[in-house]
Amino acid sequence: MNRILQKPTDMQGARVLILAGEYKGEQGVCLGESDQPGLWAISPDDNEEILSLAFEKDFGLLVDLSSNPKHN
């Protein structure tokens, strides 16, 4: 079965894992699209800084495997 993965168009409010930079390995929340093309505004947990990061390169979406998959 072939699946074509599409980039999410609206990740505002999604929980994320930061994969690069000073906050690598930390969780955060996506605030929406950044003012820079192709980037998203990410706020690390326990910090008021807002980062402009690229999806899949600099951050990924977190999935809660303990809940109903339809809610992810």
Protein backbone atom coordinates (compact mmCIF):
# COMPACT_ATOMS: atom_id res chain seq x y z
CA MET A 1 0.00 0.00 0.00
CA ASN A 2 1.43 3.35 -1.02
CA ARG A 3 0.85 6.31 1.25
CA ILE A 4 1.55 9.86 0.27
CA LEU A 5 2.40 11.88 3.35
CA GLN A 6 1.35 15.48 3.21
CA LYS A 7 2.77 18.28 5.29
CA PRO A 8 0.29 19.50 7.89
CA THR A 9 -1.24 22.84 6.99
CA ASP A 10 -2.37 23.81 10.48
CA MET A 11 -0.38 22.63 13.48
CA GLN A 12 -1.37 25.44 15.83
CA GLY A 13 -1.69 24.04 19.36
CA ALA A 14 0.06 20.76 18.52
CA ARG A 15 2.56 19.31 20.98
CA VAL A 16 6.02 18.99 19.45
CA LEU A 17 9.49 17.60 20.13
CA ILE A 18 12.34 19.96 19.27
CA LEU A 19 15.03 18.13 17.27
CA ALA A 20 17.68 20.84 16.77
CA GLY A 21 19.32 23.81 18.42
CA GLU A 22 19.59 24.93 22.01
CA TYR A 23 16.32 23.23 23.03
CA LYS A 24 17.02 19.90 21.29
CA GLY A 25 15.21 17.06 23.08
CA GLU A 26 12.69 19.34 24.80
CA GLN A 27 8.96 19.45 24.23
CA GLY A 28 6.98 22.50 23.26
CA VAL A 29 3.87 23.75 21.52
CA CYS A 30 3.34 25.02 17.98
CA LEU A 31 1.94 28.55 17.94
CA GLY A 32 1.21 28.51 14.20
CA GLU A 33 3.02 29.52 11.06
CA SER A 34 6.03 31.78 11.46
CA ASP A 35 6.38 35.05 9.57
CA GLN A 36 9.27 33.35 7.75
CA PRO A 37 8.19 31.16 4.79
CA GLY A 38 8.28 27.42 5.49
CA LEU A 39 8.85 27.82 9.23
CA TRP A 40 6.63 27.40 12.27
CA ALA A 41 6.60 29.35 15.55
CA ILE A 42 7.48 26.97 18.39
CA SER A 43 7.50 27.78 22.09
CA PRO A 44 9.55 25.40 24.26
CA ASP A 45 7.91 24.30 27.52
CA ASP A 46 9.10 26.22 30.59
CA ASN A 47 10.36 29.07 28.41
CA GLU A 48 8.82 32.18 26.89
CA GLU A 49 11.10 32.20 23.83
CA ILE A 50 9.55 31.71 20.40
CA LEU A 51 11.61 29.77 17.87
CA SER A 52 11.16 29.65 14.08
CA LEU A 53 11.70 26.02 13.11
CA ALA A 54 11.24 23.80 10.05
CA PHE A 55 8.84 20.86 10.36
CA GLU A 56 10.55 17.43 10.32
CA LYS A 57 14.04 18.98 10.22
CA ASP A 58 13.97 21.02 13.44
CA PHE A 59 10.88 19.61 15.16
CA GLY A 60 8.39 16.76 14.97
CA LEU A 61 4.86 16.19 16.19
CA LEU A 62 4.33 14.24 19.40
CA VAL A 63 1.82 11.39 19.40
CA ASP A 64 0.16 10.18 22.60
CA LEU A 65 0.16 6.39 22.23
CA SER A 66 -1.78 5.93 25.47
CA SER A 67 -4.90 7.56 24.06
CA ASN A 68 -7.34 6.82 21.29
CA PRO A 69 -5.44 7.25 17.96
CA LYS A 70 -8.34 9.28 16.58
CA HIS A 71 -7.54 11.98 19.12
CA ASN A 72 -3.95 12.43 17.89
